[in-house]
């Protein structure tokens, strides 16, 4: 199921509210307020998408840092000890890497 973008809620809500007010406010008062509900939902969706965007960027940076950390690790072929990329000899068994 497709998600409806926040701007669609705002545009439809404004259109319904303005049209119901201009046509006949007394008979279409329900639609007038329903339009405002749509605008409110659209604004909430905008706020939540901004919040989600900030958190997902933070998670993405953390994931990249973790991946970068893991890619800088190698292992000794003799004893299996963890080594950094700058190591030329294993600190555990002394084998040349």
PDB file of N, CA and C in Angstrom:
ATOM      1  N   UNK A   1       0.834  -1.168   0.000  1.00  0.00           N
ATOM      2  CA  UNK A   1       0.000   0.000   0.000  1.00  0.00           C
ATOM      3  C   UNK A   1       0.888   1.243   0.000  1.00  0.00           C
ATOM      4  N   UNK A   2       0.624   2.157  -0.875  1.00  0.00           N
ATOM      5  CA  UNK A   2       1.435   3.361  -1.008  1.00  0.00           C
ATOM      6  C   UNK A   2       1.146   4.342   0.125  1.00  0.00           C
ATOM      7  N   UNK A   3       2.183   4.991   0.580  1.00  0.00           N
ATOM      8  CA  UNK A   3       2.015   6.011   1.611  1.00  0.00           C
ATOM      9  C   UNK A   3       1.693   7.337   0.937  1.00  0.00           C
ATOM     10  N   UNK A   4       0.833   8.098   1.561  1.00  0.00           N
ATOM     11  CA  UNK A   4       0.444   9.393   1.026  1.00  0.00           C
ATOM     12  C   UNK A   4       1.368  10.452   1.608  1.00  0.00           C
ATOM     13  N   UNK A   5       1.952  11.251   0.741  1.00  0.00           N
ATOM     14  CA  UNK A   5       2.887  12.289   1.147  1.00  0.00           C
ATOM     15  C   UNK A   5       2.161  13.362   1.953  1.00  0.00           C
ATOM     16  N   UNK A   6       2.875  14.003   2.852  1.00  0.00           N
ATOM     17  CA  UNK A   6       2.267  14.998   3.744  1.00  0.00           C
ATOM     18  C   UNK A   6       1.692  16.178   2.981  1.00  0.00           C
ATOM     19  N   UNK A   7       2.324  16.561   1.875  1.00  0.00           N
ATOM     20  CA  UNK A   7       1.848  17.728   1.137  1.00  0.00           C
ATOM     21  C   UNK A   7       0.476  17.478   0.528  1.00  0.00           C
ATOM     22  N   UNK A   8       0.177  16.219   0.204  1.00  0.00           N
ATOM     23  CA  UNK A   8      -1.137  15.880  -0.349  1.00  0.00           C
ATOM     24  C   UNK A   8      -2.216  16.130   0.698  1.00  0.00           C
ATOM     25  N   UNK A   9      -1.953  15.732   1.935  1.00  0.00           N
ATOM     26  CA  UNK A   9      -2.913  15.979   3.018  1.00  0.00           C
ATOM     27  C   UNK A   9      -3.171  17.479   3.182  1.00  0.00           C
ATOM     28  N   UNK A  10      -2.106  18.260   3.165  1.00  0.00           N
ATOM     29  CA  UNK A  10      -2.244  19.701   3.365  1.00  0.00           C
ATOM     30  C   UNK A  10      -3.035  20.334   2.218  1.00  0.00           C
ATOM     31  N   UNK A  11      -2.694  19.979   0.989  1.00  0.00           N
ATOM     32  CA  UNK A  11      -3.380  20.566  -0.172  1.00  0.00           C
ATOM     33  C   UNK A  11      -4.853  20.179  -0.196  1.00  0.00           C
ATOM     34  N   UNK A  12      -5.144  18.897  -0.006  1.00  0.00           N
ATOM     35  CA  UNK A  12      -6.537  18.444  -0.019  1.00  0.00           C
ATOM     36  C   UNK A  12      -7.313  19.082   1.129  1.00  0.00           C
ATOM     37  N   UNK A  13      -6.701  19.141   2.307  1.00  0.00           N
ATOM     38  CA  UNK A  13      -7.367  19.756   3.459  1.00  0.00           C
ATOM     39  C   UNK A  13      -7.685  21.215   3.231  1.00  0.00           C
ATOM     40  N   UNK A  14      -6.726  21.950   2.689  1.00  0.00           N
ATOM     41  CA  UNK A  14      -6.980  23.365   2.393  1.00  0.00           C
ATOM     42  C   UNK A  14      -8.059  23.525   1.332  1.00  0.00           C
ATOM     43  N   UNK A  15      -8.005  22.699   0.310  1.00  0.00           N
ATOM     44  CA  UNK A  15      -9.013  22.780  -0.753  1.00  0.00           C
ATOM     45  C   UNK A  15     -10.418  22.517  -0.202  1.00  0.00           C
ATOM     46  N   UNK A  16     -10.565  21.467   0.601  1.00  0.00           N
ATOM     47  CA  UNK A  16     -11.878  21.118   1.158  1.00  0.00           C
ATOM     48  C   UNK A  16     -12.375  22.220   2.087  1.00  0.00           C
ATOM     49  N   UNK A  17     -11.501  22.726   2.927  1.00  0.00           N
ATOM     50  CA  UNK A  17     -11.911  23.786   3.861  1.00  0.00           C
ATOM     51  C   UNK A  17     -12.322  25.057   3.125  1.00  0.00           C
ATOM     52  N   UNK A  18     -11.516  25.482   2.188  1.00  0.00           N
ATOM     53  CA  UNK A  18     -11.826  26.721   1.457  1.00  0.00           C
ATOM     54  C   UNK A  18     -13.074  26.553   0.599  1.00  0.00           C
ATOM     55  N   UNK A  19     -13.189  25.402  -0.087  1.00  0.00           N
ATOM     56  CA  UNK A  19     -14.359  25.181  -0.946  1.00  0.00           C
ATOM     57  C   UNK A  19     -15.641  25.116  -0.124  1.00  0.00           C
ATOM     58  N   UNK A  20     -15.620  24.425   1.002  1.00  0.00           N
ATOM     59  CA  UNK A  20     -16.830  24.326   1.813  1.00  0.00           C
ATOM     60  C   UNK A  20     -17.195  25.677   2.422  1.00  0.00           C
ATOM     61  N   UNK A  21     -16.210  26.490   2.749  1.00  0.00           N
ATOM     62  CA  UNK A  21     -16.490  27.817   3.295  1.00  0.00           C
ATOM     63  C   UNK A  21     -17.099  28.726   2.220  1.00  0.00           C
ATOM     64  N   UNK A  22     -16.532  28.667   1.023  1.00  0.00           N
ATOM     65  CA  UNK A  22     -16.999  29.527  -0.066  1.00  0.00           C
ATOM     66  C   UNK A  22     -18.370  29.099  -0.595  1.00  0.00           C
ATOM     67  N   UNK A  23     -18.623  27.795  -0.661  1.00  0.00           N
ATOM     68  CA  UNK A  23     -19.892  27.324  -1.230  1.00  0.00           C
ATOM     69  C   UNK A  23     -21.070  27.600  -0.294  1.00  0.00           C
ATOM     70  N   UNK A  24     -21.023  26.996   0.884  1.00  0.00           N
ATOM     71  CA  UNK A  24     -22.101  27.211   1.855  1.00  0.00           C
ATOM     72  C   UNK A  24     -21.628  26.713   3.214  1.00  0.00           C
ATOM     73  N   UNK A  25     -21.059  27.611   3.980  1.00  0.00           N
ATOM     74  CA  UNK A  25     -20.448  27.233   5.255  1.00  0.00           C
ATOM     75  C   UNK A  25     -21.439  26.557   6.190  1.00  0.00           C
ATOM     76  N   UNK A  26     -22.664  27.053   6.269  1.00  0.00           N
ATOM     77  CA  UNK A  26     -23.638  26.520   7.221  1.00  0.00           C
ATOM     78  C   UNK A  26     -24.016  25.080   6.913  1.00  0.00           C
ATOM     79  N   UNK A  27     -24.121  24.724   5.640  1.00  0.00           N
ATOM     80  CA  UNK A  27     -24.474  23.344   5.271  1.00  0.00           C
ATOM     81  C   UNK A  27     -23.251  22.428   5.226  1.00  0.00           C
ATOM     82  N   UNK A  28     -22.086  22.999   4.978  1.00  0.00           N
ATOM     83  CA  UNK A  28     -20.873  22.191   4.797  1.00  0.00           C
ATOM     84  C   UNK A  28     -19.874  22.383   5.936  1.00  0.00           C
ATOM     85  N   UNK A  29     -20.360  22.716   7.114  1.00  0.00           N
ATOM     86  CA  UNK A  29     -19.485  22.970   8.256  1.00  0.00           C
ATOM     87  C   UNK A  29     -18.654  21.726   8.602  1.00  0.00           C
ATOM     88  N   UNK A  30     -19.230  20.536   8.453  1.00  0.00           N
ATOM     89  CA  UNK A  30     -18.486  19.298   8.719  1.00  0.00           C
ATOM     90  C   UNK A  30     -17.262  19.206   7.808  1.00  0.00           C
ATOM     91  N   UNK A  31     -17.435  19.507   6.536  1.00  0.00           N
ATOM     92  CA  UNK A  31     -16.324  19.429   5.581  1.00  0.00           C
ATOM     93  C   UNK A  31     -15.280  20.516   5.845  1.00  0.00           C
ATOM     94  N   UNK A  32     -15.749  21.665   6.318  1.00  0.00           N
ATOM     95  CA  UNK A  32     -14.833  22.738   6.674  1.00  0.00           C
ATOM     96  C   UNK A  32     -13.841  22.252   7.736  1.00  0.00           C
ATOM     97  N   UNK A  33     -14.365  21.629   8.787  1.00  0.00           N
ATOM     98  CA  UNK A  33     -13.492  21.147   9.865  1.00  0.00           C
ATOM     99  C   UNK A  33     -12.746  19.869   9.471  1.00  0.00           C
ATOM    100  N   UNK A  34     -13.348  19.060   8.633  1.00  0.00           N
ATOM    101  CA  UNK A  34     -12.642  17.862   8.152  1.00  0.00           C
ATOM    102  C   UNK A  34     -11.404  18.264   7.351  1.00  0.00           C
ATOM    103  N   UNK A  35     -11.505  19.343   6.599  1.00  0.00           N
ATOM    104  CA  UNK A  35     -10.344  19.856   5.871  1.00  0.00           C
ATOM    105  C   UNK A  35      -9.223  20.261   6.805  1.00  0.00           C
ATOM    106  N   UNK A  36      -9.586  20.900   7.911  1.00  0.00           N
ATOM    107  CA  UNK A  36      -8.563  21.272   8.888  1.00  0.00           C
ATOM    108  C   UNK A  36      -7.926  20.046   9.532  1.00  0.00           C
ATOM    109  N   UNK A  37      -8.704  18.990   9.706  1.00  0.00           N
ATOM    110  CA  UNK A  37      -8.136  17.745  10.239  1.00  0.00           C
ATOM    111  C   UNK A  37      -7.096  17.199   9.265  1.00  0.00           C
ATOM    112  N   UNK A  38      -7.387  17.252   7.970  1.00  0.00           N
ATOM    113  CA  UNK A  38      -6.426  16.801   6.968  1.00  0.00           C
ATOM    114  C   UNK A  38      -5.151  17.647   7.006  1.00  0.00           C
ATOM    115  N   UNK A  39      -5.309  18.946   7.147  1.00  0.00           N
ATOM    116  CA  UNK A  39      -4.137  19.822   7.236  1.00  0.00           C
ATOM    117  C   UNK A  39      -3.316  19.468   8.476  1.00  0.00           C
ATOM    118  N   UNK A  40      -3.970  19.232   9.595  1.00  0.00           N
ATOM    119  CA  UNK A  40      -3.290  18.864  10.835  1.00  0.00           C
ATOM    120  C   UNK A  40      -2.530  17.548  10.669  1.00  0.00           C
ATOM    121  N   UNK A  41      -3.165  16.556  10.043  1.00  0.00           N
ATOM    122  CA  UNK A  41      -2.505  15.268   9.801  1.00  0.00           C
ATOM    123  C   UNK A  41      -1.285  15.463   8.904  1.00  0.00           C
ATOM    124  N   UNK A  42      -1.425  16.295   7.876  1.00  0.00           N
ATOM    125  CA  UNK A  42      -0.295  16.568   6.989  1.00  0.00           C
ATOM    126  C   UNK A  42       0.870  17.198   7.711  1.00  0.00           C
ATOM    127  N   UNK A  43       0.583  18.132   8.608  1.00  0.00           N
ATOM    128  CA  UNK A  43       1.645  18.773   9.372  1.00  0.00           C
ATOM    129  C   UNK A  43       2.306  17.777  10.319  1.00  0.00           C
ATOM    130  N   UNK A  44       1.521  16.907  10.938  1.00  0.00           N
ATOM    131  CA  UNK A  44       2.099  15.862  11.800  1.00  0.00           C
ATOM    132  C   UNK A  44       2.996  14.918  11.000  1.00  0.00           C
ATOM    133  N   UNK A  45       2.557  14.537   9.808  1.00  0.00           N
ATOM    134  CA  UNK A  45       3.381  13.672   8.959  1.00  0.00           C
ATOM    135  C   UNK A  45       4.693  14.359   8.589  1.00  0.00           C
ATOM    136  N   UNK A  46       4.638  15.658   8.332  1.00  0.00           N
ATOM    137  CA  UNK A  46       5.846  16.413   8.024  1.00  0.00           C
ATOM    138  C   UNK A  46       6.800  16.397   9.215  1.00  0.00           C
ATOM    139  N   UNK A  47       6.287  16.660  10.402  1.00  0.00           N
ATOM    140  CA  UNK A  47       7.124  16.677  11.603  1.00  0.00           C
ATOM    141  C   UNK A  47       7.756  15.310  11.842  1.00  0.00           C
ATOM    142  N   UNK A  48       6.963  14.249  11.739  1.00  0.00           N
ATOM    143  CA  UNK A  48       7.504  12.906  11.967  1.00  0.00           C
ATOM    144  C   UNK A  48       8.511  12.510  10.898  1.00  0.00           C
ATOM    145  N   UNK A  49       8.306  12.944   9.661  1.00  0.00           N
ATOM    146  CA  UNK A  49       9.286  12.615   8.617  1.00  0.00           C
ATOM    147  C   UNK A  49      10.601  13.351   8.856  1.00  0.00           C
ATOM    148  N   UNK A  50      10.528  14.582   9.381  1.00  0.00           N
ATOM    149  CA  UNK A  50      11.760  15.310   9.711  1.00  0.00           C
ATOM    150  C   UNK A  50      12.489  14.614  10.853  1.00  0.00           C
ATOM    151  N   UNK A  51      11.747  14.219  11.881  1.00  0.00           N
ATOM    152  CA  UNK A  51      12.357  13.520  13.018  1.00  0.00           C
ATOM    153  C   UNK A  51      12.958  12.201  12.564  1.00  0.00           C
ATOM    154  N   UNK A  52      12.234  11.452  11.764  1.00  0.00           N
ATOM    155  CA  UNK A  52      12.729  10.159  11.279  1.00  0.00           C
ATOM    156  C   UNK A  52      13.955  10.350  10.402  1.00  0.00           C
ATOM    157  N   UNK A  53      13.961  11.406   9.598  1.00  0.00           N
ATOM    158  CA  UNK A  53      15.114  11.684   8.748  1.00  0.00           C
ATOM    159  C   UNK A  53      16.366  11.967   9.546  1.00  0.00           C
ATOM    160  N   UNK A  54      16.221  12.688  10.653  1.00  0.00           N
ATOM    161  CA  UNK A  54      17.375  12.988  11.494  1.00  0.00           C
ATOM    162  C   UNK A  54      17.901  11.735  12.163  1.00  0.00           C
ATOM    163  N   UNK A  55      17.009  10.880  12.675  1.00  0.00           N
ATOM    164  CA  UNK A  55      17.470   9.673  13.341  1.00  0.00           C
ATOM    165  C   UNK A  55      18.063   8.690  12.354  1.00  0.00           C
ATOM    166  N   UNK A  56      17.500   8.587  11.158  1.00  0.00           N
ATOM    167  CA  UNK A  56      18.049   7.638  10.199  1.00  0.00           C
ATOM    168  C   UNK A  56      19.408   8.098   9.717  1.00  0.00           C
ATOM    169  N   UNK A  57      19.657   9.415   9.632  1.00  0.00           N
ATOM    170  CA  UNK A  57      20.976   9.896   9.260  1.00  0.00           C
ATOM    171  C   UNK A  57      21.991   9.539  10.330  1.00  0.00           C
ATOM    172  N   UNK A  58      21.585   9.681  11.611  1.00  0.00           N
ATOM    173  CA  UNK A  58      22.488   9.322  12.693  1.00  0.00           C
ATOM    174  C   UNK A  58      22.806   7.834  12.661  1.00  0.00           C
ATOM    175  N   UNK A  59      21.791   7.003  12.425  1.00  0.00           N
ATOM    176  CA  UNK A  59      22.008   5.566  12.356  1.00  0.00           C
ATOM    177  C   UNK A  59      22.898   5.210  11.176  1.00  0.00           C
ATOM    178  N   UNK A  60      22.723   5.894  10.059  1.00  0.00           N
ATOM    179  CA  UNK A  60      23.521   5.637   8.875  1.00  0.00           C
ATOM    180  C   UNK A  60      24.985   5.979   9.127  1.00  0.00           C
ATOM    181  N   UNK A  61      25.248   7.104   9.812  1.00  0.00           N
ATOM    182  CA  UNK A  61      26.617   7.489  10.136  1.00  0.00           C
ATOM    183  C   UNK A  61      27.234   6.463  11.065  1.00  0.00           C
ATOM    184  N   UNK A  62      26.472   6.006  12.068  1.00  0.00           N
ATOM    185  CA  UNK A  62      26.966   4.992  13.004  1.00  0.00           C
ATOM    186  C   UNK A  62      27.275   3.697  12.264  1.00  0.00           C
ATOM    187  N   UNK A  63      26.413   3.299  11.346  1.00  0.00           N
ATOM    188  CA  UNK A  63      26.628   2.069  10.586  1.00  0.00           C
ATOM    189  C   UNK A  63      27.883   2.185   9.725  1.00  0.00           C
ATOM    190  N   UNK A  64      28.092   3.336   9.089  1.00  0.00           N
ATOM    191  CA  UNK A  64      29.292   3.530   8.265  1.00  0.00           C
ATOM    192  C   UNK A  64      30.544   3.479   9.124  1.00  0.00           C
ATOM    193  N   UNK A  65      30.496   4.095  10.308  1.00  0.00           N
ATOM    194  CA  UNK A  65      31.653   4.078  11.198  1.00  0.00           C
ATOM    195  C   UNK A  65      31.961   2.660  11.657  1.00  0.00           C
ATOM    196  N   UNK A  66      30.928   1.910  11.967  1.00  0.00           N
ATOM    197  CA  UNK A  66      31.115   0.527  12.388  1.00  0.00           C
ATOM    198  C   UNK A  66      31.699  -0.303  11.262  1.00  0.00           C
ATOM    199  N   UNK A  67      31.196  -0.121  10.045  1.00  0.00           N
ATOM    200  CA  UNK A  67      31.709  -0.854   8.889  1.00  0.00           C
ATOM    201  C   UNK A  67      33.166  -0.480   8.626  1.00  0.00           C
ATOM    202  N   UNK A  68      33.499   0.814   8.766  1.00  0.00           N
ATOM    203  CA  UNK A  68      34.872   1.271   8.559  1.00  0.00           C
ATOM    204  C   UNK A  68      35.783   0.647   9.610  1.00  0.00           C
ATOM    205  N   UNK A  69      35.305   0.572  10.856  1.00  0.00           N
ATOM    206  CA  UNK A  69      36.082  -0.046  11.916  1.00  0.00           C
ATOM    207  C   UNK A  69      36.340  -1.508  11.611  1.00  0.00           C
ATOM    208  N   UNK A  70      35.316  -2.222  11.166  1.00  0.00           N
ATOM    209  CA  UNK A  70      35.468  -3.645  10.898  1.00  0.00           C
ATOM    210  C   UNK A  70      36.355  -3.905   9.693  1.00  0.00           C
ATOM    211  N   UNK A  71      36.371  -3.006   8.721  1.00  0.00           N
ATOM    212  CA  UNK A  71      37.190  -3.224   7.543  1.00  0.00           C
ATOM    213  C   UNK A  71      38.667  -2.983   7.833  1.00  0.00           C
ATOM    214  N   UNK A  72      39.002  -2.331   8.951  1.00  0.00           N
ATOM    215  CA  UNK A  72      40.389  -2.095   9.334  1.00  0.00           C
ATOM    216  C   UNK A  72      40.941  -3.218  10.205  1.00  0.00           C
ATOM    217  N   UNK A  73      40.272  -4.332  10.246  1.00  0.00           N
ATOM    218  CA  UNK A  73      40.697  -5.449  11.089  1.00  0.00           C
ATOM    219  C   UNK A  73      41.119  -6.613  10.201  1.00  0.00           C
ATOM    220  N   UNK A  74      42.270  -7.212  10.553  1.00  0.00           N
ATOM    221  CA  UNK A  74      42.679  -8.451   9.895  1.00  0.00           C
ATOM    222  C   UNK A  74      43.109  -9.427  10.988  1.00  0.00           C
ATOM    223  N   UNK A  75      43.365 -10.657  10.592  1.00  0.00           N
ATOM    224  CA  UNK A  75      43.677 -11.702  11.567  1.00  0.00           C
ATOM    225  C   UNK A  75      44.993 -12.374  11.224  1.00  0.00           C
ATOM    226  N   UNK A  76      45.694 -12.806  12.255  1.00  0.00           N
ATOM    227  CA  UNK A  76      46.968 -13.501  12.084  1.00  0.00           C
ATOM    228  C   UNK A  76      46.733 -14.872  11.462  1.00  0.00           C
ATOM    229  N   UNK A  77      47.542 -15.222  10.474  1.00  0.00           N
ATOM    230  CA  UNK A  77      47.383 -16.529   9.823  1.00  0.00           C
ATOM    231  C   UNK A  77      47.942 -17.669  10.677  1.00  0.00           C
ATOM    232  N   UNK A  78      48.754 -17.348  11.696  1.00  0.00           N
ATOM    233  CA  UNK A  78      49.329 -18.363  12.565  1.00  0.00           C
ATOM    234  C   UNK A  78      48.416 -18.701  13.746  1.00  0.00           C
ATOM    235  N   UNK A  79      48.059 -17.651  14.506  1.00  0.00           N
ATOM    236  CA  UNK A  79      47.326 -17.882  15.755  1.00  0.00           C
ATOM    237  C   UNK A  79      45.883 -17.372  15.718  1.00  0.00           C
ATOM    238  N   UNK A  80      45.518 -16.586  14.711  1.00  0.00           N
ATOM    239  CA  UNK A  80      44.147 -16.099  14.589  1.00  0.00           C
ATOM    240  C   UNK A  80      43.838 -14.858  15.409  1.00  0.00           C
ATOM    241  N   UNK A  81      44.857 -14.202  15.953  1.00  0.00           N
ATOM    242  CA  UNK A  81      44.647 -12.993  16.760  1.00  0.00           C
ATOM    243  C   UNK A  81      44.184 -11.842  15.859  1.00  0.00           C
ATOM    244  N   UNK A  82      43.389 -10.967  16.442  1.00  0.00           N
ATOM    245  CA  UNK A  82      42.934  -9.780  15.711  1.00  0.00           C
ATOM    246  C   UNK A  82      44.069  -8.787  15.564  1.00  0.00           C
ATOM    247  N   UNK A  83      44.208  -8.241  14.362  1.00  0.00           N
ATOM    248  CA  UNK A  83      45.263  -7.278  14.076  1.00  0.00           C
ATOM    249  C   UNK A  83      44.656  -6.054  13.416  1.00  0.00           C
ATOM    250  N   UNK A  84      45.324  -4.927  13.584  1.00  0.00           N
ATOM    251  CA  UNK A  84      44.968  -3.735  12.836  1.00  0.00           C
ATOM    252  C   UNK A  84      45.725  -3.761  11.510  1.00  0.00           C
ATOM    253  N   UNK A  85      45.311  -2.924  10.581  1.00  0.00           N
ATOM    254  CA  UNK A  85      45.950  -2.906   9.266  1.00  0.00           C
ATOM    255  C   UNK A  85      47.403  -2.453   9.333  1.00  0.00           C
ATOM    256  N   UNK A  86      47.757  -1.626  10.300  1.00  0.00           N
ATOM    257  CA  UNK A  86      49.128  -1.121  10.385  1.00  0.00           C
ATOM    258  C   UNK A  86      50.113  -2.135  10.978  1.00  0.00           C
ATOM    259  N   UNK A  87      49.633  -3.217  11.557  1.00  0.00           N
ATOM    260  CA  UNK A  87      50.530  -4.226  12.138  1.00  0.00           C
ATOM    261  C   UNK A  87      51.293  -4.968  11.051  1.00  0.00           C
ATOM    262  N   UNK A  88      52.597  -5.089  11.261  1.00  0.00           N
ATOM    263  CA  UNK A  88      53.439  -5.874  10.352  1.00  0.00           C
ATOM    264  C   UNK A  88      53.747  -7.248  10.953  1.00  0.00           C
ATOM    265  N   UNK A  89      53.669  -7.313  12.298  1.00  0.00           N
ATOM    266  CA  UNK A  89      53.889  -8.569  13.005  1.00  0.00           C
ATOM    267  C   UNK A  89      52.755  -8.770  13.996  1.00  0.00           C
ATOM    268  N   UNK A  90      52.416 -10.007  14.278  1.00  0.00           N
ATOM    269  CA  UNK A  90      51.360 -10.330  15.221  1.00  0.00           C
ATOM    270  C   UNK A  90      51.844 -10.029  16.636  1.00  0.00           C
ATOM    271  N   UNK A  91      51.104  -9.257  17.415  1.00  0.00           N
ATOM    272  CA  UNK A  91      51.526  -8.964  18.785  1.00  0.00           C
ATOM    273  C   UNK A  91      51.418 -10.181  19.713  1.00  0.00           C
ATOM    274  N   UNK A  92      50.687 -11.207  19.333  1.00  0.00           N
ATOM    275  CA  UNK A  92      50.506 -12.377  20.180  1.00  0.00           C
ATOM    276  C   UNK A  92      51.591 -13.427  19.949  1.00  0.00           C
ATOM    277  N   UNK A  93      51.798 -13.793  18.647  1.00  0.00           N
ATOM    278  CA  UNK A  93      52.768 -14.857  18.377  1.00  0.00           C
ATOM    279  C   UNK A  93      54.018 -14.371  17.654  1.00  0.00           C
ATOM    280  N   UNK A  94      54.007 -13.136  17.152  1.00  0.00           N
ATOM    281  CA  UNK A  94      55.208 -12.580  16.507  1.00  0.00           C
ATOM    282  C   UNK A  94      55.348 -12.948  15.047  1.00  0.00           C
ATOM    283  N   UNK A  95      54.384 -13.650  14.478  1.00  0.00           N
ATOM    284  CA  UNK A  95      54.494 -14.050  13.065  1.00  0.00           C
ATOM    285  C   UNK A  95      54.382 -12.823  12.168  1.00  0.00           C
ATOM    286  N   UNK A  96      55.096 -12.865  11.037  1.00  0.00           N
ATOM    287  CA  UNK A  96      55.027 -11.769  10.076  1.00  0.00           C
ATOM    288  C   UNK A  96      53.681 -11.830   9.372  1.00  0.00           C
ATOM    289  N   UNK A  97      53.008 -10.671   9.278  1.00  0.00           N
ATOM    290  CA  UNK A  97      51.684 -10.613   8.674  1.00  0.00           C
ATOM    291  C   UNK A  97      51.780 -10.141   7.249  1.00  0.00           C
TER     292      UNK A  97
END
